[in-house]
Amino acid sequence: KNQNPSWECGRVENISCRAEKFPDIPIENLGQN
């Protein structure tokens, strides 16, 4: 929101996260916290 003041999301219902360089590897398999 700070970087994109026009971004709005009334409520986040679901989220998907990925590593930019490893988009097909689930984040829980990357060995990072």
PDB file of all heavy atoms in Angstrom:
ATOM      1  N   LYS A   1       0.831  -1.213   0.000  1.00  0.00           N
ATOM      2  CA  LYS A   1       0.000   0.000   0.000  1.00  0.00           C
ATOM      3  C   LYS A   1       0.867   1.265   0.000  1.00  0.00           C
ATOM      4  O   LYS A   1       0.558   2.228  -0.695  1.00  0.00           O
ATOM      5  CB  LYS A   1      -0.935  -0.022   1.218  1.00  0.00           C
ATOM      6  CG  LYS A   1      -1.900   1.123   1.279  1.00  0.00           C
ATOM      7  CD  LYS A   1      -2.983   0.982   0.239  1.00  0.00           C
ATOM      8  CE  LYS A   1      -4.020   2.065   0.436  1.00  0.00           C
ATOM      9  NZ  LYS A   1      -4.836   2.258  -0.744  1.00  0.00           N
ATOM     10  N   ASN A   2       1.982   1.249   0.761  1.00  0.00           N
ATOM     11  CA  ASN A   2       2.873   2.416   0.791  1.00  0.00           C
ATOM     12  C   ASN A   2       3.500   2.690  -0.566  1.00  0.00           C
ATOM     13  O   ASN A   2       3.689   3.844  -0.941  1.00  0.00           O
ATOM     14  CB  ASN A   2       3.983   2.228   1.834  1.00  0.00           C
ATOM     15  CG  ASN A   2       3.463   2.353   3.257  1.00  0.00           C
ATOM     16  OD1 ASN A   2       2.386   2.899   3.499  1.00  0.00           O
ATOM     17  ND2 ASN A   2       4.205   1.818   4.198  1.00  0.00           N
ATOM     18  N   GLN A   3       3.838   1.645  -1.310  1.00  0.00           N
ATOM     19  CA  GLN A   3       4.476   1.824  -2.610  1.00  0.00           C
ATOM     20  C   GLN A   3       3.476   1.979  -3.754  1.00  0.00           C
ATOM     21  O   GLN A   3       3.826   2.470  -4.815  1.00  0.00           O
ATOM     22  CB  GLN A   3       5.432   0.665  -2.889  1.00  0.00           C
ATOM     23  CG  GLN A   3       6.627   0.717  -1.948  1.00  0.00           C
ATOM     24  CD  GLN A   3       7.780  -0.116  -2.457  1.00  0.00           C
ATOM     25  OE1 GLN A   3       7.914  -0.370  -3.644  1.00  0.00           O
ATOM     26  NE2 GLN A   3       8.629  -0.523  -1.539  1.00  0.00           N
ATOM     27  N   ASN A   4       2.254   1.547  -3.531  1.00  0.00           N
ATOM     28  CA  ASN A   4       1.190   1.648  -4.543  1.00  0.00           C
ATOM     29  C   ASN A   4      -0.077   2.158  -3.868  1.00  0.00           C
ATOM     30  O   ASN A   4      -0.968   1.365  -3.563  1.00  0.00           O
ATOM     31  CB  ASN A   4       0.923   0.279  -5.183  1.00  0.00           C
ATOM     32  CG  ASN A   4       2.139  -0.305  -5.848  1.00  0.00           C
ATOM     33  OD1 ASN A   4       2.638   0.257  -6.799  1.00  0.00           O
ATOM     34  ND2 ASN A   4       2.616  -1.428  -5.337  1.00  0.00           N
ATOM     35  N   PRO A   5      -0.174   3.472  -3.620  1.00  0.00           N
ATOM     36  CA  PRO A   5      -1.319   4.021  -2.876  1.00  0.00           C
ATOM     37  C   PRO A   5      -2.686   3.667  -3.457  1.00  0.00           C
ATOM     38  O   PRO A   5      -3.672   3.620  -2.736  1.00  0.00           O
ATOM     39  CB  PRO A   5      -1.086   5.532  -2.919  1.00  0.00           C
ATOM     40  CG  PRO A   5       0.387   5.678  -3.140  1.00  0.00           C
ATOM     41  CD  PRO A   5       0.790   4.491  -3.979  1.00  0.00           C
ATOM     42  N   SER A   6      -2.747   3.355  -4.745  1.00  0.00           N
ATOM     43  CA  SER A   6      -4.047   3.022  -5.349  1.00  0.00           C
ATOM     44  C   SER A   6      -4.425   1.553  -5.140  1.00  0.00           C
ATOM     45  O   SER A   6      -5.546   1.153  -5.439  1.00  0.00           O
ATOM     46  CB  SER A   6      -4.027   3.342  -6.843  1.00  0.00           C
ATOM     47  OG  SER A   6      -3.060   2.544  -7.497  1.00  0.00           O
ATOM     48  N   TRP A   7      -3.487   0.742  -4.606  1.00  0.00           N
ATOM     49  CA  TRP A   7      -3.784  -0.675  -4.391  1.00  0.00           C
ATOM     50  C   TRP A   7      -4.801  -0.826  -3.280  1.00  0.00           C
ATOM     51  O   TRP A   7      -4.647  -0.289  -2.190  1.00  0.00           O
ATOM     52  CB  TRP A   7      -2.502  -1.442  -4.027  1.00  0.00           C
ATOM     53  CG  TRP A   7      -2.703  -2.936  -3.945  1.00  0.00           C
ATOM     54  CD1 TRP A   7      -2.826  -3.789  -4.985  1.00  0.00           C
ATOM     55  CD2 TRP A   7      -2.795  -3.740  -2.762  1.00  0.00           C
ATOM     56  NE1 TRP A   7      -2.985  -5.087  -4.521  1.00  0.00           N
ATOM     57  CE2 TRP A   7      -2.975  -5.079  -3.163  1.00  0.00           C
ATOM     58  CE3 TRP A   7      -2.753  -3.455  -1.398  1.00  0.00           C
ATOM     59  CZ2 TRP A   7      -3.095  -6.128  -2.267  1.00  0.00           C
ATOM     60  CZ3 TRP A   7      -2.881  -4.497  -0.508  1.00  0.00           C
ATOM     61  CH2 TRP A   7      -3.050  -5.819  -0.941  1.00  0.00           C
ATOM     62  N   GLU A   8      -5.867  -1.566  -3.555  1.00  0.00           N
ATOM     63  CA  GLU A   8      -6.892  -1.820  -2.548  1.00  0.00           C
ATOM     64  C   GLU A   8      -7.276  -3.287  -2.552  1.00  0.00           C
ATOM     65  O   GLU A   8      -7.384  -3.900  -3.597  1.00  0.00           O
ATOM     66  CB  GLU A   8      -8.149  -0.987  -2.820  1.00  0.00           C
ATOM     67  CG  GLU A   8      -8.033   0.431  -2.342  1.00  0.00           C
ATOM     68  CD  GLU A   8      -9.394   1.099  -2.210  1.00  0.00           C
ATOM     69  OE1 GLU A   8     -10.351   0.425  -1.784  1.00  0.00           O
ATOM     70  OE2 GLU A   8      -9.462   2.287  -2.536  1.00  0.00           O
ATOM     71  N   CYS A   9      -7.461  -3.774  -1.372  1.00  0.00           N
ATOM     72  CA  CYS A   9      -7.961  -5.127  -1.207  1.00  0.00           C
ATOM     73  C   CYS A   9      -8.855  -5.083   0.028  1.00  0.00           C
ATOM     74  O   CYS A   9      -8.367  -4.878   1.143  1.00  0.00           O
ATOM     75  CB  CYS A   9      -6.801  -6.108  -1.022  1.00  0.00           C
ATOM     76  SG  CYS A   9      -7.326  -7.830  -0.920  1.00  0.00           S
ATOM     77  N   GLY A  10     -10.143  -5.215  -0.183  1.00  0.00           N
ATOM     78  CA  GLY A  10     -11.073  -5.149   0.946  1.00  0.00           C
ATOM     79  C   GLY A  10     -10.760  -6.187   2.004  1.00  0.00           C
ATOM     80  O   GLY A  10     -10.691  -5.899   3.187  1.00  0.00           O
ATOM     81  N   ARG A  11     -10.525  -7.418   1.571  1.00  0.00           N
ATOM     82  CA  ARG A  11     -10.182  -8.506   2.488  1.00  0.00           C
ATOM     83  C   ARG A  11      -9.381  -9.544   1.706  1.00  0.00           C
ATOM     84  O   ARG A  11      -9.779  -9.957   0.623  1.00  0.00           O
ATOM     85  CB  ARG A  11     -11.453  -9.144   3.049  1.00  0.00           C
ATOM     86  CG  ARG A  11     -11.172 -10.240   4.093  1.00  0.00           C
ATOM     87  CD  ARG A  11     -12.448 -10.897   4.623  1.00  0.00           C
ATOM     88  NE  ARG A  11     -12.962 -11.864   3.665  1.00  0.00           N
ATOM     89  CZ  ARG A  11     -14.151 -11.800   3.076  1.00  0.00           C
ATOM     90  NH1 ARG A  11     -14.963 -10.830   3.339  1.00  0.00           N
ATOM     91  NH2 ARG A  11     -14.531 -12.722   2.205  1.00  0.00           N
ATOM     92  N   VAL A  12      -8.271  -9.951   2.277  1.00  0.00           N
ATOM     93  CA  VAL A  12      -7.469 -10.997   1.640  1.00  0.00           C
ATOM     94  C   VAL A  12      -8.032 -12.337   2.075  1.00  0.00           C
ATOM     95  O   VAL A  12      -8.077 -12.648   3.257  1.00  0.00           O
ATOM     96  CB  VAL A  12      -5.974 -10.883   2.037  1.00  0.00           C
ATOM     97  CG1 VAL A  12      -5.183 -12.032   1.441  1.00  0.00           C
ATOM     98  CG2 VAL A  12      -5.411  -9.547   1.588  1.00  0.00           C
ATOM     99  N   GLU A  13      -8.491 -13.116   1.117  1.00  0.00           N
ATOM    100  CA  GLU A  13      -9.102 -14.401   1.420  1.00  0.00           C
ATOM    101  C   GLU A  13      -8.111 -15.561   1.300  1.00  0.00           C
ATOM    102  O   GLU A  13      -8.242 -16.571   1.970  1.00  0.00           O
ATOM    103  CB  GLU A  13     -10.287 -14.628   0.480  1.00  0.00           C
ATOM    104  CG  GLU A  13     -11.139 -15.810   0.876  1.00  0.00           C
ATOM    105  CD  GLU A  13     -12.429 -15.844   0.090  1.00  0.00           C
ATOM    106  OE1 GLU A  13     -13.259 -14.945   0.308  1.00  0.00           O
ATOM    107  OE2 GLU A  13     -12.592 -16.762  -0.724  1.00  0.00           O
ATOM    108  N   ASN A  14      -7.102 -15.399   0.434  1.00  0.00           N
ATOM    109  CA  ASN A  14      -6.115 -16.454   0.236  1.00  0.00           C
ATOM    110  C   ASN A  14      -4.827 -15.810  -0.240  1.00  0.00           C
ATOM    111  O   ASN A  14      -4.839 -14.692  -0.754  1.00  0.00           O
ATOM    112  CB  ASN A  14      -6.625 -17.471  -0.789  1.00  0.00           C
ATOM    113  CG  ASN A  14      -5.973 -18.827  -0.663  1.00  0.00           C
ATOM    114  OD1 ASN A  14      -4.954 -18.985   0.012  1.00  0.00           O
ATOM    115  ND2 ASN A  14      -6.546 -19.819  -1.322  1.00  0.00           N
ATOM    116  N   ILE A  15      -3.703 -16.509  -0.082  1.00  0.00           N
ATOM    117  CA  ILE A  15      -2.411 -15.975  -0.493  1.00  0.00           C
ATOM    118  C   ILE A  15      -1.550 -17.105  -1.051  1.00  0.00           C
ATOM    119  O   ILE A  15      -1.663 -18.251  -0.614  1.00  0.00           O
ATOM    120  CB  ILE A  15      -1.696 -15.272   0.687  1.00  0.00           C
ATOM    121  CG1 ILE A  15      -0.422 -14.556   0.216  1.00  0.00           C
ATOM    122  CG2 ILE A  15      -1.403 -16.261   1.822  1.00  0.00           C
ATOM    123  CD1 ILE A  15       0.169 -13.605   1.251  1.00  0.00           C
ATOM    124  N   SER A  16      -0.744 -16.770  -2.033  1.00  0.00           N
ATOM    125  CA  SER A  16       0.231 -17.698  -2.592  1.00  0.00           C
ATOM    126  C   SER A  16       1.570 -16.977  -2.597  1.00  0.00           C
ATOM    127  O   SER A  16       1.650 -15.824  -2.996  1.00  0.00           O
ATOM    128  CB  SER A  16      -0.180 -18.098  -4.009  1.00  0.00           C
ATOM    129  OG  SER A  16       0.714 -19.041  -4.535  1.00  0.00           O
ATOM    130  N   CYS A  17       2.614 -17.646  -2.128  1.00  0.00           N
ATOM    131  CA  CYS A  17       3.941 -17.050  -2.043  1.00  0.00           C
ATOM    132  C   CYS A  17       4.935 -17.933  -2.785  1.00  0.00           C
ATOM    133  O   CYS A  17       4.838 -19.160  -2.728  1.00  0.00           O
ATOM    134  CB  CYS A  17       4.372 -16.917  -0.586  1.00  0.00           C
ATOM    135  SG  CYS A  17       3.299 -15.840   0.388  1.00  0.00           S
ATOM    136  N   ARG A  18       5.901 -17.283  -3.464  1.00  0.00           N
ATOM    137  CA  ARG A  18       6.924 -18.033  -4.181  1.00  0.00           C
ATOM    138  C   ARG A  18       8.224 -17.242  -4.208  1.00  0.00           C
ATOM    139  O   ARG A  18       8.226 -16.020  -4.064  1.00  0.00           O
ATOM    140  CB  ARG A  18       6.482 -18.350  -5.609  1.00  0.00           C
ATOM    141  CG  ARG A  18       6.426 -17.124  -6.514  1.00  0.00           C
ATOM    142  CD  ARG A  18       5.968 -17.474  -7.908  1.00  0.00           C
ATOM    143  NE  ARG A  18       6.059 -16.311  -8.795  1.00  0.00           N
ATOM    144  CZ  ARG A  18       5.674 -16.318 -10.051  1.00  0.00           C
ATOM    145  NH1 ARG A  18       5.149 -17.406 -10.583  1.00  0.00           N
ATOM    146  NH2 ARG A  18       5.806 -15.236 -10.792  1.00  0.00           N
ATOM    147  N   ALA A  19       9.329 -17.954  -4.403  1.00  0.00           N
ATOM    148  CA  ALA A  19      10.625 -17.314  -4.569  1.00  0.00           C
ATOM    149  C   ALA A  19      10.767 -16.935  -6.041  1.00  0.00           C
ATOM    150  O   ALA A  19      10.468 -17.735  -6.927  1.00  0.00           O
ATOM    151  CB  ALA A  19      11.744 -18.250  -4.146  1.00  0.00           C
ATOM    152  N   GLU A  20      11.221 -15.726  -6.288  1.00  0.00           N
ATOM    153  CA  GLU A  20      11.339 -15.233  -7.657  1.00  0.00           C
ATOM    154  C   GLU A  20      12.202 -16.156  -8.525  1.00  0.00           C
ATOM    155  O   GLU A  20      11.826 -16.479  -9.656  1.00  0.00           O
ATOM    156  CB  GLU A  20      11.948 -13.828  -7.642  1.00  0.00           C
ATOM    157  CG  GLU A  20      12.222 -13.274  -9.025  1.00  0.00           C
ATOM    158  CD  GLU A  20      13.087 -12.036  -9.007  1.00  0.00           C
ATOM    159  OE1 GLU A  20      14.001 -11.933  -8.154  1.00  0.00           O
ATOM    160  OE2 GLU A  20      12.854 -11.171  -9.858  1.00  0.00           O
ATOM    161  N   LYS A  21      13.337 -16.620  -8.017  1.00  0.00           N
ATOM    162  CA  LYS A  21      14.246 -17.449  -8.814  1.00  0.00           C
ATOM    163  C   LYS A  21      13.891 -18.933  -8.801  1.00  0.00           C
ATOM    164  O   LYS A  21      14.453 -19.706  -9.561  1.00  0.00           O
ATOM    165  CB  LYS A  21      15.684 -17.259  -8.347  1.00  0.00           C
ATOM    166  CG  LYS A  21      16.197 -15.877  -8.674  1.00  0.00           C
ATOM    167  CD  LYS A  21      17.663 -15.743  -8.424  1.00  0.00           C
ATOM    168  CE  LYS A  21      18.078 -14.329  -8.797  1.00  0.00           C
ATOM    169  NZ  LYS A  21      19.493 -14.155  -8.846  1.00  0.00           N
ATOM    170  N   PHE A  22      12.975 -19.334  -7.931  1.00  0.00           N
ATOM    171  CA  PHE A  22      12.562 -20.738  -7.829  1.00  0.00           C
ATOM    172  C   PHE A  22      11.035 -20.813  -7.775  1.00  0.00           C
ATOM    173  O   PHE A  22      10.471 -21.330  -6.814  1.00  0.00           O
ATOM    174  CB  PHE A  22      13.182 -21.379  -6.580  1.00  0.00           C
ATOM    175  CG  PHE A  22      14.680 -21.237  -6.512  1.00  0.00           C
ATOM    176  CD1 PHE A  22      15.260 -20.241  -5.740  1.00  0.00           C
ATOM    177  CD2 PHE A  22      15.503 -22.095  -7.224  1.00  0.00           C
ATOM    178  CE1 PHE A  22      16.633 -20.095  -5.682  1.00  0.00           C
ATOM    179  CE2 PHE A  22      16.884 -21.963  -7.164  1.00  0.00           C
ATOM    180  CZ  PHE A  22      17.452 -20.955  -6.403  1.00  0.00           C
ATOM    181  N   PRO A  23      10.339 -20.324  -8.812  1.00  0.00           N
ATOM    182  CA  PRO A  23       8.876 -20.215  -8.742  1.00  0.00           C
ATOM    183  C   PRO A  23       8.132 -21.541  -8.648  1.00  0.00           C
ATOM    184  O   PRO A  23       6.999 -21.577  -8.174  1.00  0.00           O
ATOM    185  CB  PRO A  23       8.509 -19.474 -10.027  1.00  0.00           C
ATOM    186  CG  PRO A  23       9.631 -19.761 -10.963  1.00  0.00           C
ATOM    187  CD  PRO A  23      10.861 -19.863 -10.098  1.00  0.00           C
ATOM    188  N   ASP A  24       8.765 -22.633  -9.076  1.00  0.00           N
ATOM    189  CA  ASP A  24       8.073 -23.923  -9.060  1.00  0.00           C
ATOM    190  C   ASP A  24       8.390 -24.770  -7.833  1.00  0.00           C
ATOM    191  O   ASP A  24       7.890 -25.885  -7.707  1.00  0.00           O
ATOM    192  CB  ASP A  24       8.414 -24.707 -10.330  1.00  0.00           C
ATOM    193  CG  ASP A  24       7.920 -23.991 -11.584  1.00  0.00           C
ATOM    194  OD1 ASP A  24       6.846 -23.364 -11.529  1.00  0.00           O
ATOM    195  OD2 ASP A  24       8.622 -24.036 -12.620  1.00  0.00           O
ATOM    196  N   ILE A  25       9.215 -24.255  -6.924  1.00  0.00           N
ATOM    197  CA  ILE A  25       9.547 -24.984  -5.701  1.00  0.00           C
ATOM    198  C   ILE A  25       8.717 -24.400  -4.556  1.00  0.00           C
ATOM    199  O   ILE A  25       8.782 -23.196  -4.301  1.00  0.00           O
ATOM    200  CB  ILE A  25      11.051 -24.882  -5.372  1.00  0.00           C
ATOM    201  CG1 ILE A  25      11.874 -25.495  -6.511  1.00  0.00           C
ATOM    202  CG2 ILE A  25      11.362 -25.577  -4.044  1.00  0.00           C
ATOM    203  CD1 ILE A  25      13.376 -25.337  -6.341  1.00  0.00           C
ATOM    204  N   PRO A  26       7.926 -25.216  -3.868  1.00  0.00           N
ATOM    205  CA  PRO A  26       7.148 -24.700  -2.729  1.00  0.00           C
ATOM    206  C   PRO A  26       8.091 -24.052  -1.706  1.00  0.00           C
ATOM    207  O   PRO A  26       9.187 -24.565  -1.458  1.00  0.00           O
ATOM    208  CB  PRO A  26       6.486 -25.951  -2.146  1.00  0.00           C
ATOM    209  CG  PRO A  26       6.451 -26.930  -3.284  1.00  0.00           C
ATOM    210  CD  PRO A  26       7.699 -26.649  -4.088  1.00  0.00           C
ATOM    211  N   ILE A  27       7.666 -22.931  -1.120  1.00  0.00           N
ATOM    212  CA  ILE A  27       8.568 -22.199  -0.217  1.00  0.00           C
ATOM    213  C   ILE A  27       8.979 -23.031   0.987  1.00  0.00           C
ATOM    214  O   ILE A  27      10.070 -22.848   1.503  1.00  0.00           O
ATOM    215  CB  ILE A  27       8.000 -20.830   0.218  1.00  0.00           C
ATOM    216  CG1 ILE A  27       6.712 -20.968   1.008  1.00  0.00           C
ATOM    217  CG2 ILE A  27       7.843 -19.911  -0.963  1.00  0.00           C
ATOM    218  CD1 ILE A  27       6.236 -19.659   1.634  1.00  0.00           C
ATOM    219  N   GLU A  28       8.157 -23.978   1.409  1.00  0.00           N
ATOM    220  CA  GLU A  28       8.539 -24.812   2.545  1.00  0.00           C
ATOM    221  C   GLU A  28       9.674 -25.780   2.193  1.00  0.00           C
ATOM    222  O   GLU A  28      10.286 -26.359   3.071  1.00  0.00           O
ATOM    223  CB  GLU A  28       7.341 -25.560   3.129  1.00  0.00           C
ATOM    224  CG  GLU A  28       6.599 -26.448   2.165  1.00  0.00           C
ATOM    225  CD  GLU A  28       5.476 -25.757   1.403  1.00  0.00           C
ATOM    226  OE1 GLU A  28       5.305 -24.532   1.521  1.00  0.00           O
ATOM    227  OE2 GLU A  28       4.756 -26.467   0.668  1.00  0.00           O
ATOM    228  N   ASN A  29       9.987 -25.929   0.902  1.00  0.00           N
ATOM    229  CA  ASN A  29      11.078 -26.799   0.468  1.00  0.00           C
ATOM    230  C   ASN A  29      12.368 -26.033   0.174  1.00  0.00           C
ATOM    231  O   ASN A  29      13.333 -26.613  -0.305  1.00  0.00           O
ATOM    232  CB  ASN A  29      10.672 -27.587  -0.784  1.00  0.00           C
ATOM    233  CG  ASN A  29       9.558 -28.572  -0.506  1.00  0.00           C
ATOM    234  OD1 ASN A  29       9.208 -28.829   0.644  1.00  0.00           O
ATOM    235  ND2 ASN A  29       8.987 -29.119  -1.552  1.00  0.00           N
ATOM    236  N   LEU A  30      12.385 -24.731   0.432  1.00  0.00           N
ATOM    237  CA  LEU A  30      13.553 -23.909   0.126  1.00  0.00           C
ATOM    238  C   LEU A  30      14.547 -23.828   1.283  1.00  0.00           C
ATOM    239  O   LEU A  30      15.639 -23.296   1.117  1.00  0.00           O
ATOM    240  CB  LEU A  30      13.114 -22.497  -0.275  1.00  0.00           C
ATOM    241  CG  LEU A  30      12.325 -22.408  -1.585  1.00  0.00           C
ATOM    242  CD1 LEU A  30      11.780 -21.005  -1.779  1.00  0.00           C
ATOM    243  CD2 LEU A  30      13.188 -22.829  -2.760  1.00  0.00           C
ATOM    244  N   GLY A  31      14.183 -24.307   2.455  1.00  0.00           N
ATOM    245  CA  GLY A  31      15.089 -24.268   3.592  1.00  0.00           C
ATOM    246  C   GLY A  31      15.208 -22.899   4.222  1.00  0.00           C
ATOM    247  O   GLY A  31      16.202 -22.592   4.877  1.00  0.00           O
ATOM    248  N   GLN A  32      14.198 -22.051   4.049  1.00  0.00           N
ATOM    249  CA  GLN A  32      14.219 -20.715   4.641  1.00  0.00           C
ATOM    250  C   GLN A  32      13.076 -20.567   5.627  1.00  0.00           C
ATOM    251  O   GLN A  32      12.044 -21.229   5.502  1.00  0.00           O
ATOM    252  CB  GLN A  32      14.102 -19.643   3.558  1.00  0.00           C
ATOM    253  CG  GLN A  32      15.279 -19.637   2.594  1.00  0.00           C
ATOM    254  CD  GLN A  32      15.662 -18.245   2.172  1.00  0.00           C
ATOM    255  OE1 GLN A  32      14.827 -17.438   1.800  1.00  0.00           O
ATOM    256  NE2 GLN A  32      16.957 -17.967   2.242  1.00  0.00           N
ATOM    257  N   ASN A  33      13.284 -19.704   6.623  1.00  0.00           N
ATOM    258  CA  ASN A  33      12.228 -19.384   7.586  1.00  0.00           C
ATOM    259  C   ASN A  33      11.472 -18.178   7.042  1.00  0.00           C
ATOM    260  O   ASN A  33      11.993 -17.064   7.057  1.00  0.00           O
ATOM    261  CB  ASN A  33      12.830 -19.061   8.959  1.00  0.00           C
ATOM    262  CG  ASN A  33      13.501 -20.262   9.565  1.00  0.00           C
ATOM    263  OD1 ASN A  33      12.982 -21.371   9.502  1.00  0.00           O
ATOM    264  ND2 ASN A  33      14.665 -20.061  10.147  1.00  0.00           N
TER     265      ASN A  33
END
